[in-house]
Amino acid sequence: MLVYFLALVCTHLSAFRIARNMRYKSITHLMNLPLGYFNQSGSGRIIDGAASSTETYLAHQLPDLVGAFTTPIVVLVLLLYLIGR
């Protein structure tokens, strides 16, 4: 449980950092665009939505997916180890 909790903390910290970097790079890219671009399209929701969905995937869905794959493998290895003894 402790390892799982520490892994979740690490994934959340890295996900927030990646989302922050995505927002920062997007904003710096938008600052270099001509002003006429903003009359045609809204960019704020796109940037925030993309960074938010990336954070959700990295912080929540990816650890659950890894746990779903590793748990049966670990159980099988432990079962084979205990049967062999």
N, C-alpha and C. Protein backbone atom coordinates (compact mmCIF):
# COMPACT_ATOMS: atom_id res chain seq x y z
N MET A 1 0.83 -1.20 0.00
CA MET A 1 0.00 0.00 0.00
C MET A 1 0.87 1.26 0.00
N LEU A 2 1.98 1.20 0.74
CA LEU A 2 2.86 2.36 0.79
C LEU A 2 3.49 2.64 -0.57
N VAL A 3 3.91 1.60 -1.25
CA VAL A 3 4.50 1.78 -2.58
C VAL A 3 3.46 2.33 -3.55
N TYR A 4 2.24 1.83 -3.47
CA TYR A 4 1.17 2.33 -4.33
C TYR A 4 0.88 3.80 -4.06
N PHE A 5 0.84 4.18 -2.79
CA PHE A 5 0.60 5.58 -2.43
C PHE A 5 1.73 6.47 -2.94
N LEU A 6 2.97 6.03 -2.77
CA LEU A 6 4.10 6.82 -3.25
C LEU A 6 4.09 6.93 -4.78
N ALA A 7 3.69 5.87 -5.45
CA ALA A 7 3.60 5.92 -6.91
C ALA A 7 2.53 6.91 -7.35
N LEU A 8 1.40 6.94 -6.65
CA LEU A 8 0.35 7.90 -6.99
C LEU A 8 0.80 9.34 -6.77
N VAL A 9 1.54 9.57 -5.70
CA VAL A 9 2.05 10.91 -5.44
C VAL A 9 3.01 11.33 -6.56
N CYS A 10 3.88 10.42 -6.95
CA CYS A 10 4.83 10.74 -8.03
C CYS A 10 4.12 10.99 -9.36
N THR A 11 3.11 10.19 -9.67
CA THR A 11 2.40 10.41 -10.94
C THR A 11 1.63 11.72 -10.92
N HIS A 12 1.06 12.08 -9.78
CA HIS A 12 0.36 13.36 -9.71
C HIS A 12 1.33 14.53 -9.86
N LEU A 13 2.46 14.45 -9.20
CA LEU A 13 3.43 15.54 -9.31
C LEU A 13 3.94 15.68 -10.74
N SER A 14 4.26 14.57 -11.37
CA SER A 14 4.75 14.66 -12.74
C SER A 14 3.65 15.10 -13.70
N ALA A 15 2.43 14.66 -13.47
CA ALA A 15 1.32 15.06 -14.35
C ALA A 15 1.06 16.56 -14.24
N PHE A 16 1.09 17.10 -13.03
CA PHE A 16 0.88 18.54 -12.87
C PHE A 16 2.02 19.33 -13.52
N ARG A 17 3.24 18.82 -13.42
CA ARG A 17 4.38 19.51 -14.03
C ARG A 17 4.25 19.47 -15.56
N ILE A 18 3.86 18.34 -16.11
CA ILE A 18 3.71 18.24 -17.56
C ILE A 18 2.59 19.16 -18.04
N ALA A 19 1.47 19.21 -17.32
CA ALA A 19 0.36 20.09 -17.70
C ALA A 19 0.79 21.56 -17.63
N ARG A 20 1.56 21.91 -16.61
CA ARG A 20 2.05 23.28 -16.50
C ARG A 20 2.97 23.62 -17.66
N ASN A 21 3.86 22.70 -18.02
CA ASN A 21 4.76 22.95 -19.15
C ASN A 21 4.00 23.05 -20.46
N MET A 22 2.96 22.24 -20.62
CA MET A 22 2.15 22.33 -21.84
C MET A 22 1.47 23.69 -21.94
N ARG A 23 0.92 24.15 -20.83
CA ARG A 23 0.27 25.47 -20.83
C ARG A 23 1.27 26.58 -21.13
N TYR A 24 2.45 26.49 -20.52
CA TYR A 24 3.48 27.52 -20.70
C TYR A 24 3.93 27.57 -22.16
N LYS A 25 4.22 26.41 -22.75
CA LYS A 25 4.68 26.40 -24.13
C LYS A 25 3.58 26.84 -25.10
N SER A 26 2.35 26.49 -24.79
CA SER A 26 1.24 26.91 -25.64
C SER A 26 1.05 28.42 -25.59
N ILE A 27 1.14 28.97 -24.41
CA ILE A 27 0.96 30.42 -24.27
C ILE A 27 2.10 31.16 -24.95
N THR A 28 3.34 30.69 -24.80
CA THR A 28 4.45 31.36 -25.48
C THR A 28 4.32 31.24 -26.99
N HIS A 29 3.77 30.14 -27.48
CA HIS A 29 3.54 30.01 -28.92
C HIS A 29 2.44 30.98 -29.37
N LEU A 30 1.37 31.10 -28.59
CA LEU A 30 0.28 32.00 -28.94
C LEU A 30 0.72 33.47 -28.92
N MET A 31 1.68 33.78 -28.08
CA MET A 31 2.15 35.16 -28.00
C MET A 31 2.88 35.57 -29.29
N ASN A 32 3.39 34.60 -30.02
CA ASN A 32 4.10 34.91 -31.26
C ASN A 32 3.20 34.95 -32.48
N LEU A 33 1.92 34.62 -32.34
CA LEU A 33 0.99 34.65 -33.46
C LEU A 33 0.50 36.07 -33.71
N PRO A 34 0.11 36.37 -34.94
CA PRO A 34 -0.45 37.70 -35.22
C PRO A 34 -1.81 37.88 -34.53
N LEU A 35 -2.16 39.11 -34.24
CA LEU A 35 -3.39 39.39 -33.51
C LEU A 35 -4.65 39.00 -34.28
N GLY A 36 -4.61 38.99 -35.60
CA GLY A 36 -5.77 38.61 -36.40
C GLY A 36 -6.19 37.17 -36.18
N TYR A 37 -5.28 36.34 -35.72
CA TYR A 37 -5.60 34.93 -35.47
C TYR A 37 -6.65 34.79 -34.38
N PHE A 38 -6.60 35.65 -33.39
CA PHE A 38 -7.51 35.54 -32.25
C PHE A 38 -8.92 36.01 -32.57
N ASN A 39 -9.11 36.76 -33.64
CA ASN A 39 -10.45 37.14 -34.06
C ASN A 39 -11.20 35.95 -34.65
N GLN A 40 -10.47 34.97 -35.17
CA GLN A 40 -11.09 33.84 -35.85
C GLN A 40 -11.29 32.63 -34.94
N SER A 41 -10.49 32.48 -33.92
CA SER A 41 -10.60 31.26 -33.09
C SER A 41 -10.29 31.58 -31.63
N GLY A 42 -10.96 30.87 -30.76
CA GLY A 42 -10.67 30.97 -29.34
C GLY A 42 -9.63 29.94 -28.97
N SER A 43 -8.68 30.29 -28.16
CA SER A 43 -7.60 29.36 -27.87
C SER A 43 -7.53 28.97 -26.40
N GLY A 44 -8.18 29.69 -25.53
CA GLY A 44 -8.05 29.43 -24.10
C GLY A 44 -8.62 28.09 -23.67
N ARG A 45 -9.80 27.76 -24.19
CA ARG A 45 -10.42 26.48 -23.81
C ARG A 45 -9.64 25.30 -24.36
N ILE A 46 -9.07 25.44 -25.54
CA ILE A 46 -8.30 24.36 -26.15
C ILE A 46 -7.06 24.05 -25.31
N ILE A 47 -6.36 25.08 -24.92
CA ILE A 47 -5.13 24.88 -24.14
C ILE A 47 -5.45 24.27 -22.79
N ASP A 48 -6.43 24.83 -22.11
CA ASP A 48 -6.76 24.32 -20.78
C ASP A 48 -7.34 22.91 -20.85
N GLY A 49 -8.15 22.63 -21.84
CA GLY A 49 -8.74 21.31 -21.99
C GLY A 49 -7.71 20.24 -22.30
N ALA A 50 -6.77 20.56 -23.18
CA ALA A 50 -5.73 19.58 -23.54
C ALA A 50 -4.82 19.30 -22.35
N ALA A 51 -4.42 20.33 -21.64
CA ALA A 51 -3.55 20.13 -20.49
C ALA A 51 -4.29 19.37 -19.38
N SER A 52 -5.56 19.66 -19.20
CA SER A 52 -6.34 19.00 -18.17
C SER A 52 -6.56 17.52 -18.49
N SER A 53 -6.86 17.21 -19.74
CA SER A 53 -7.07 15.80 -20.09
C SER A 53 -5.77 15.02 -20.03
N THR A 54 -4.65 15.65 -20.36
CA THR A 54 -3.35 14.99 -20.23
C THR A 54 -3.04 14.72 -18.77
N GLU A 55 -3.32 15.66 -17.91
CA GLU A 55 -3.09 15.48 -16.47
C GLU A 55 -3.96 14.35 -15.93
N THR A 56 -5.20 14.29 -16.36
CA THR A 56 -6.10 13.23 -15.91
C THR A 56 -5.59 11.87 -16.34
N TYR A 57 -5.14 11.75 -17.57
CA TYR A 57 -4.64 10.47 -18.06
C TYR A 57 -3.39 10.05 -17.29
N LEU A 58 -2.44 10.98 -17.13
CA LEU A 58 -1.18 10.61 -16.49
C LEU A 58 -1.32 10.36 -15.00
N ALA A 59 -2.19 11.10 -14.33
CA ALA A 59 -2.30 10.98 -12.88
C ALA A 59 -3.27 9.89 -12.44
N HIS A 60 -4.25 9.55 -13.26
CA HIS A 60 -5.28 8.62 -12.82
C HIS A 60 -5.37 7.35 -13.66
N GLN A 61 -5.51 7.53 -14.97
CA GLN A 61 -5.76 6.37 -15.82
C GLN A 61 -4.51 5.51 -16.03
N LEU A 62 -3.36 6.12 -16.20
CA LEU A 62 -2.13 5.36 -16.42
C LEU A 62 -1.75 4.49 -15.22
N PRO A 63 -1.79 5.00 -13.97
CA PRO A 63 -1.49 4.11 -12.83
C PRO A 63 -2.50 2.97 -12.69
N ASP A 64 -3.76 3.23 -12.97
CA ASP A 64 -4.76 2.17 -12.91
C ASP A 64 -4.51 1.10 -13.97
N LEU A 65 -4.11 1.54 -15.15
CA LEU A 65 -3.81 0.61 -16.23
C LEU A 65 -2.59 -0.26 -15.89
N VAL A 66 -1.56 0.36 -15.35
CA VAL A 66 -0.37 -0.40 -14.95
C VAL A 66 -0.70 -1.38 -13.83
N GLY A 67 -1.51 -0.96 -12.88
CA GLY A 67 -1.93 -1.85 -11.80
C GLY A 67 -2.75 -3.01 -12.31
N ALA A 68 -3.57 -2.77 -13.32
CA ALA A 68 -4.40 -3.84 -13.88
C ALA A 68 -3.54 -4.89 -14.59
N PHE A 69 -2.42 -4.49 -15.15
CA PHE A 69 -1.54 -5.44 -15.82
C PHE A 69 -0.59 -6.13 -14.85
N THR A 70 -0.07 -5.40 -13.88
CA THR A 70 0.95 -5.99 -13.00
C THR A 70 0.36 -6.86 -11.90
N THR A 71 -0.83 -6.58 -11.43
CA THR A 71 -1.41 -7.36 -10.34
C THR A 71 -1.57 -8.84 -10.70
N PRO A 72 -2.14 -9.20 -11.84
CA PRO A 72 -2.23 -10.63 -12.15
C PRO A 72 -0.87 -11.30 -12.34
N ILE A 73 0.08 -10.57 -12.88
CA ILE A 73 1.42 -11.13 -13.06
C ILE A 73 2.08 -11.40 -11.72
N VAL A 74 1.98 -10.46 -10.80
CA VAL A 74 2.57 -10.63 -9.47
C VAL A 74 1.88 -11.77 -8.72
N VAL A 75 0.56 -11.85 -8.83
CA VAL A 75 -0.18 -12.93 -8.18
C VAL A 75 0.24 -14.28 -8.75
N LEU A 76 0.40 -14.37 -10.05
CA LEU A 76 0.81 -15.62 -10.68
C LEU A 76 2.23 -16.03 -10.25
N VAL A 77 3.13 -15.06 -10.20
CA VAL A 77 4.51 -15.36 -9.77
C VAL A 77 4.53 -15.81 -8.32
N LEU A 78 3.79 -15.14 -7.46
CA LEU A 78 3.75 -15.54 -6.05
C LEU A 78 3.10 -16.91 -5.89
N LEU A 79 2.07 -17.17 -6.66
CA LEU A 79 1.40 -18.46 -6.59
C LEU A 79 2.34 -19.59 -7.03
N LEU A 80 3.05 -19.38 -8.10
CA LEU A 80 4.00 -20.39 -8.57
C LEU A 80 5.16 -20.58 -7.57
N TYR A 81 5.57 -19.47 -6.97
CA TYR A 81 6.65 -19.56 -5.99
C TYR A 81 6.19 -20.35 -4.74
N LEU A 82 4.98 -20.07 -4.29
CA LEU A 82 4.48 -20.76 -3.09
C LEU A 82 4.16 -22.22 -3.38
N ILE A 83 3.70 -22.56 -4.58
CA ILE A 83 3.45 -23.94 -4.93
C ILE A 83 4.76 -24.72 -5.03
N GLY A 84 5.80 -24.07 -5.53
CA GLY A 84 7.10 -24.71 -5.65
C GLY A 84 7.74 -25.02 -4.32
N ARG A 85 7.38 -24.33 -3.30
CA ARG A 85 7.97 -24.58 -1.95
C ARG A 85 7.24 -25.73 -1.40
